[in-house]
Amino acid sequence: MALKKNISFFFLFLFPFVLIQAQIKNPYVCAKKKDAIIYAIGSASLGLGYYLGIKTPSLKIEEIQLLDKNSINRFDRIATSYSSSWARKGSDVFFYSAMALPSLFVFSKRMRGNANSIAIIYGETLFLTVGITAITKKTVLRSRPFVYNSSFDINDKTGKNARYSFFSGHTSVVSASSFFTAKVFADYCPDSKWKSIVWGAAATLPAITGYLRVRAGKHYPTDVIIGYAVGAAIGILVPQIHKRKKRNENIQLSINPTGGYLGVRF
């Protein structure tokens, strides 16, 4: 991509009667080697997470009967009293909706033209988020709050999923998708008056998702806090490492029908 832009730039000298206004349309650069490494790490983490899931032992009824919610720290203990079905369904809506957020870029002609690079970077973001979340869940094996709640069915408590509380996958994915969307928008439209609103929405969506996961009895507050932080970090850092380096603003070039101008400012 960078090579093609440089070649195009030099060809401009052949057309002095054309008005040129140089502009970098895509703030990101996708390099095959770097992207391959990131996808490899993401794929490996997903594979390891899947393997650990196979090896995860389910809780036995005898083990569940011995659990005491008073052994949980006070900050998290409140989650054991929640069992909202509407909160569970609502968190699912936020989860699937957030993953589709980058599709809104289709309404921007500039971003639509760079859909391939955005899609590659977003894929890396999701791979890493889901992979890291899966490995952590299946290594820590923290029992979900509903395991301590008598209103839940015993079949739910003895399933493997009952041991995947830390950290919240719904929250981490929504956070990664939301902050990715805000980051890309900010990089493409740095002077937009909507930037603060977009960042505010990005911060709010995973917070609501985390609240709903707690109210559903699926996660403790610390689960969603860590999930939020991990997702936000990945959603911002992955686009950032692909960001194109700025050209030297001290060098200015202008070509027009009457001549040209090259200025160097020290």
Protein backbone atom coordinates (compact mmCIF):
# COMPACT_ATOMS: atom_id res chain seq x y z
CA MET A 1 0.00 0.00 0.00
CA ALA A 2 2.75 2.48 0.98
CA LEU A 3 4.78 1.59 -2.14
CA LYS A 4 1.81 2.25 -4.41
CA LYS A 5 1.23 5.65 -2.81
CA ASN A 6 4.89 6.63 -3.25
CA ILE A 7 4.85 5.60 -6.92
CA SER A 8 1.66 7.59 -7.49
CA PHE A 9 3.22 10.60 -5.77
CA PHE A 10 6.25 10.64 -8.07
CA PHE A 11 4.06 10.30 -11.16
CA LEU A 12 2.50 13.63 -10.25
CA PHE A 13 5.65 15.38 -11.51
CA LEU A 14 4.68 14.27 -15.02
CA PHE A 15 1.47 16.30 -14.85
CA PRO A 16 2.29 19.89 -13.80
CA PHE A 17 -1.05 21.14 -15.09
CA VAL A 18 -3.01 19.14 -12.57
CA LEU A 19 -3.96 20.63 -9.22
CA ILE A 20 -2.79 18.28 -6.48
CA GLN A 21 -3.75 18.21 -2.86
CA ALA A 22 -1.82 15.42 -1.15
CA GLN A 23 -3.75 13.53 1.49
CA ILE A 24 -3.36 10.17 3.25
CA LYS A 25 -6.79 8.56 3.00
CA ASN A 26 -6.02 5.49 5.06
CA PRO A 27 -4.45 6.09 8.50
CA TYR A 28 -3.56 2.39 8.80
CA VAL A 29 -0.99 0.15 7.17
CA CYS A 30 -1.48 -3.61 7.00
CA ALA A 31 1.80 -5.53 6.69
CA LYS A 32 1.55 -9.20 5.81
CA LYS A 33 4.21 -10.33 8.26
CA LYS A 34 2.83 -8.35 11.21
CA ASP A 35 -0.76 -9.34 10.49
CA ALA A 36 0.19 -12.98 10.08
CA ILE A 37 1.89 -12.95 13.49
CA ILE A 38 -1.13 -11.34 15.18
CA TYR A 39 -3.55 -13.78 13.56
CA ALA A 40 -1.28 -16.66 14.52
CA ILE A 41 -1.27 -15.54 18.15
CA GLY A 42 -5.03 -15.12 18.10
CA SER A 43 -5.58 -18.51 16.48
CA ALA A 44 -3.20 -20.20 18.90
CA SER A 45 -5.01 -18.66 21.88
CA LEU A 46 -8.36 -19.83 20.51
CA GLY A 47 -6.98 -23.31 19.99
CA LEU A 48 -5.49 -23.45 23.47
CA GLY A 49 -8.74 -22.17 24.94
CA TYR A 50 -10.66 -24.90 23.14
CA TYR A 51 -8.22 -27.56 24.36
CA LEU A 52 -8.46 -26.33 27.94
CA GLY A 53 -12.23 -26.42 27.63
CA ILE A 54 -12.13 -30.10 26.74
CA LYS A 55 -10.03 -30.79 29.82
CA THR A 56 -12.23 -28.72 32.15
CA PRO A 57 -13.93 -30.92 34.79
CA SER A 58 -17.55 -30.15 35.65
CA LEU A 59 -18.56 -29.35 39.20
CA LYS A 60 -19.98 -32.30 41.08
CA ILE A 61 -23.15 -32.00 43.11
CA GLU A 62 -21.17 -32.75 46.27
CA GLU A 63 -18.79 -29.89 45.51
CA ILE A 64 -21.66 -27.49 44.87
CA GLN A 65 -23.27 -28.36 48.19
CA LEU A 66 -20.07 -27.44 50.01
CA LEU A 67 -19.84 -23.98 48.43
CA ASP A 68 -20.42 -21.06 50.76
CA LYS A 69 -21.16 -17.60 49.31
CA ASN A 70 -19.75 -16.01 52.46
CA SER A 71 -16.32 -17.11 51.25
CA ILE A 72 -16.68 -14.61 48.37
CA ASN A 73 -15.38 -11.10 48.97
CA ARG A 74 -18.04 -8.53 49.90
CA PHE A 75 -17.69 -6.56 46.67
CA ASP A 76 -18.53 -9.60 44.53
CA ARG A 77 -20.95 -11.37 46.86
CA ILE A 78 -23.95 -9.33 45.74
CA ALA A 79 -23.93 -11.11 42.37
CA THR A 80 -24.95 -14.41 43.99
CA SER A 81 -28.43 -13.00 44.73
CA TYR A 82 -29.23 -12.07 41.12
CA SER A 83 -31.01 -14.25 38.57
CA SER A 84 -32.60 -11.89 36.04
CA SER A 85 -33.57 -13.57 32.77
CA TRP A 86 -34.26 -10.21 31.09
CA ALA A 87 -30.74 -9.07 31.98
CA ARG A 88 -29.28 -12.23 30.45
CA LYS A 89 -31.25 -11.70 27.22
CA GLY A 90 -30.37 -8.02 27.18
CA SER A 91 -26.66 -8.75 27.53
CA ASP A 92 -26.89 -11.09 24.54
CA VAL A 93 -28.45 -8.29 22.48
CA PHE A 94 -25.59 -5.95 23.40
CA PHE A 95 -23.05 -8.69 22.66
CA TYR A 96 -24.19 -9.41 19.11
CA SER A 97 -25.02 -5.78 18.32
CA ALA A 98 -21.60 -4.55 19.43
CA MET A 99 -19.79 -7.00 17.16
CA ALA A 100 -21.60 -5.43 14.21
CA LEU A 101 -20.67 -1.85 15.17
CA PRO A 102 -17.80 -1.52 12.62
CA SER A 103 -20.33 -2.20 9.85
CA LEU A 104 -21.48 1.40 10.42
CA PHE A 105 -18.33 2.48 8.61
CA VAL A 106 -20.05 1.51 5.37
CA PHE A 107 -21.85 4.86 5.54
CA SER A 108 -18.53 6.68 5.23
CA LYS A 109 -17.21 6.80 1.67
CA ARG A 110 -13.66 7.25 2.90
CA MET A 111 -13.80 4.30 5.30
CA ARG A 112 -15.77 2.15 2.89
CA GLY A 113 -12.94 2.49 0.41
CA ASN A 114 -10.55 1.04 3.00
CA ALA A 115 -12.90 -1.71 4.16
CA ASN A 116 -10.31 -4.46 3.61
CA SER A 117 -7.73 -3.03 6.01
CA ILE A 118 -10.36 -2.18 8.62
CA ALA A 119 -11.78 -5.70 8.40
CA ILE A 120 -8.31 -7.25 8.82
CA ILE A 121 -7.55 -5.15 11.89
CA TYR A 122 -10.98 -5.82 13.38
CA GLY A 123 -10.53 -9.54 12.84
CA GLU A 124 -7.26 -9.40 14.76
CA THR A 125 -8.99 -7.49 17.55
CA LEU A 126 -11.72 -10.11 17.93
CA PHE A 127 -9.33 -13.07 17.64
CA LEU A 128 -7.10 -11.75 20.40
CA THR A 129 -9.99 -10.75 22.65
CA VAL A 130 -11.85 -14.03 22.38
CA GLY A 131 -8.65 -16.08 22.62
CA ILE A 132 -7.28 -14.33 25.70
CA THR A 133 -10.70 -14.46 27.35
CA ALA A 134 -11.06 -18.18 26.66
CA ILE A 135 -7.62 -19.06 28.02
CA THR A 136 -8.21 -17.04 31.18
CA LYS A 137 -11.66 -18.50 31.82
CA LYS A 138 -10.46 -22.07 31.42
CA THR A 139 -7.34 -21.56 33.50
CA VAL A 140 -8.85 -19.71 36.45
CA LEU A 141 -12.04 -21.85 36.60
CA ARG A 142 -13.98 -19.49 38.84
CA SER A 143 -17.51 -20.68 39.60
CA ARG A 144 -20.21 -18.30 38.37
CA PRO A 145 -22.44 -16.51 40.90
CA PHE A 146 -25.49 -18.58 39.97
CA VAL A 147 -23.76 -21.70 41.32
CA TYR A 148 -24.39 -20.24 44.79
CA ASN A 149 -28.01 -19.31 43.97
CA SER A 150 -30.74 -21.80 44.87
CA SER A 151 -33.09 -20.42 42.19
CA PHE A 152 -30.95 -21.91 39.40
CA ASP A 153 -31.35 -25.46 38.13
CA ILE A 154 -28.77 -28.03 39.20
CA ASN A 155 -28.13 -28.91 35.55
CA ASP A 156 -26.88 -25.36 34.95
CA LYS A 157 -24.59 -25.59 37.94
CA THR A 158 -23.00 -28.89 36.89
CA GLY A 159 -22.25 -27.76 33.33
CA LYS A 160 -18.71 -26.76 32.36
CA ASN A 161 -19.87 -23.24 31.58
CA ALA A 162 -20.65 -22.76 35.28
CA ARG A 163 -16.88 -22.57 35.90
CA TYR A 164 -16.11 -19.85 33.38
CA SER A 165 -16.87 -16.73 35.39
CA PHE A 166 -13.51 -14.93 35.22
CA PHE A 167 -13.48 -12.84 33.25
CA SER A 168 -16.63 -11.77 31.43
CA GLY A 169 -16.49 -12.66 27.74
CA HIS A 170 -19.59 -10.63 26.90
CA THR A 171 -18.04 -7.54 28.46
CA SER A 172 -14.59 -8.03 26.93
CA VAL A 173 -15.96 -8.51 23.39
CA VAL A 174 -18.39 -5.58 23.63
CA SER A 175 -15.60 -3.42 25.04
CA ALA A 176 -13.15 -4.44 22.31
CA SER A 177 -15.69 -3.84 19.53
CA SER A 178 -16.87 -0.51 20.97
CA PHE A 179 -13.43 0.92 21.60
CA PHE A 180 -12.17 -0.37 18.24
CA THR A 181 -15.01 1.47 16.52
CA ALA A 182 -14.29 4.67 18.45
CA LYS A 183 -10.55 4.43 17.80
CA VAL A 184 -10.97 3.93 14.06
CA PHE A 185 -13.50 6.76 13.86
CA ALA A 186 -11.14 9.07 15.76
CA ASP A 187 -8.20 8.18 13.50
CA TYR A 188 -10.20 8.77 10.32
CA CYS A 189 -12.00 11.86 11.58
CA PRO A 190 -9.67 13.51 14.13
CA ASP A 191 -11.44 16.87 13.87
CA SER A 192 -14.99 15.57 14.00
CA LYS A 193 -17.37 17.22 16.47
CA TRP A 194 -18.85 13.75 17.07
CA LYS A 195 -15.62 12.30 18.42
CA SER A 196 -16.39 12.84 22.11
CA ILE A 197 -19.87 11.37 21.67
CA VAL A 198 -18.46 8.30 19.93
CA TRP A 199 -15.90 7.75 22.71
CA GLY A 200 -18.63 8.24 25.30
CA ALA A 201 -20.81 5.63 23.63
CA ALA A 202 -17.84 3.26 23.43
CA ALA A 203 -17.30 3.59 27.17
CA THR A 204 -21.00 3.19 27.98
CA LEU A 205 -21.95 0.09 25.98
CA PRO A 206 -19.60 -2.38 27.73
CA ALA A 207 -20.48 -0.84 31.10
CA ILE A 208 -24.16 -1.58 30.51
CA THR A 209 -23.31 -5.06 29.27
CA GLY A 210 -21.27 -5.74 32.39
CA TYR A 211 -24.11 -4.53 34.62
CA LEU A 212 -26.54 -6.85 32.86
CA ARG A 213 -24.17 -9.81 33.24
CA VAL A 214 -24.00 -9.21 36.98
CA ARG A 215 -27.78 -8.86 37.27
CA ALA A 216 -28.18 -12.10 35.32
CA GLY A 217 -26.11 -13.94 37.92
CA LYS A 218 -23.53 -14.81 35.28
CA HIS A 219 -20.62 -12.74 36.57
CA TYR A 220 -19.19 -10.95 39.58
CA PRO A 221 -18.41 -7.21 39.43
CA THR A 222 -14.67 -7.94 39.26
CA ASP A 223 -15.28 -10.22 36.27
CA VAL A 224 -16.85 -7.45 34.24
CA ILE A 225 -14.34 -4.81 35.36
CA ILE A 226 -11.40 -6.90 34.16
CA GLY A 227 -13.26 -7.89 31.00
CA TYR A 228 -13.96 -4.23 30.29
CA ALA A 229 -10.30 -3.28 30.75
CA VAL A 230 -8.92 -6.13 28.64
CA GLY A 231 -11.36 -5.50 25.79
CA ALA A 232 -10.74 -1.76 25.78
CA ALA A 233 -6.97 -2.23 25.74
CA ILE A 234 -7.09 -4.62 22.78
CA GLY A 235 -9.66 -2.52 20.92
CA ILE A 236 -7.39 0.52 21.09
CA LEU A 237 -3.94 -1.03 20.83
CA VAL A 238 -4.50 -3.25 17.78
CA PRO A 239 -5.49 -0.33 15.50
CA GLN A 240 -2.73 1.80 17.04
CA ILE A 241 0.05 -0.62 16.09
CA HIS A 242 -1.21 -0.47 12.50
CA LYS A 243 -1.28 3.30 12.39
CA ARG A 244 0.60 4.94 9.56
CA LYS A 245 3.49 7.18 10.56
CA LYS A 246 2.86 10.85 9.87
CA ARG A 247 4.80 12.56 7.13
CA ASN A 248 7.14 15.36 7.99
CA GLU A 249 4.89 18.41 8.24
CA ASN A 250 7.90 20.72 7.83
CA ILE A 251 8.14 19.77 4.15
CA GLN A 252 5.40 21.21 1.94
CA LEU A 253 4.83 20.56 -1.75
CA SER A 254 2.32 22.30 -3.99
CA ILE A 255 1.83 21.85 -7.75
CA ASN A 256 -0.66 23.87 -9.79
CA PRO A 257 -1.24 24.91 -13.44
CA THR A 258 1.09 27.91 -13.15
CA GLY A 259 4.02 26.19 -11.51
CA GLY A 260 5.11 24.45 -8.36
CA TYR A 261 6.34 25.17 -4.86
CA LEU A 262 8.58 23.23 -2.51
CA GLY A 263 9.10 24.61 0.96
CA VAL A 264 11.26 23.31 3.80
CA ARG A 265 10.68 24.80 7.25
CA PHE A 266 13.44 24.55 9.91
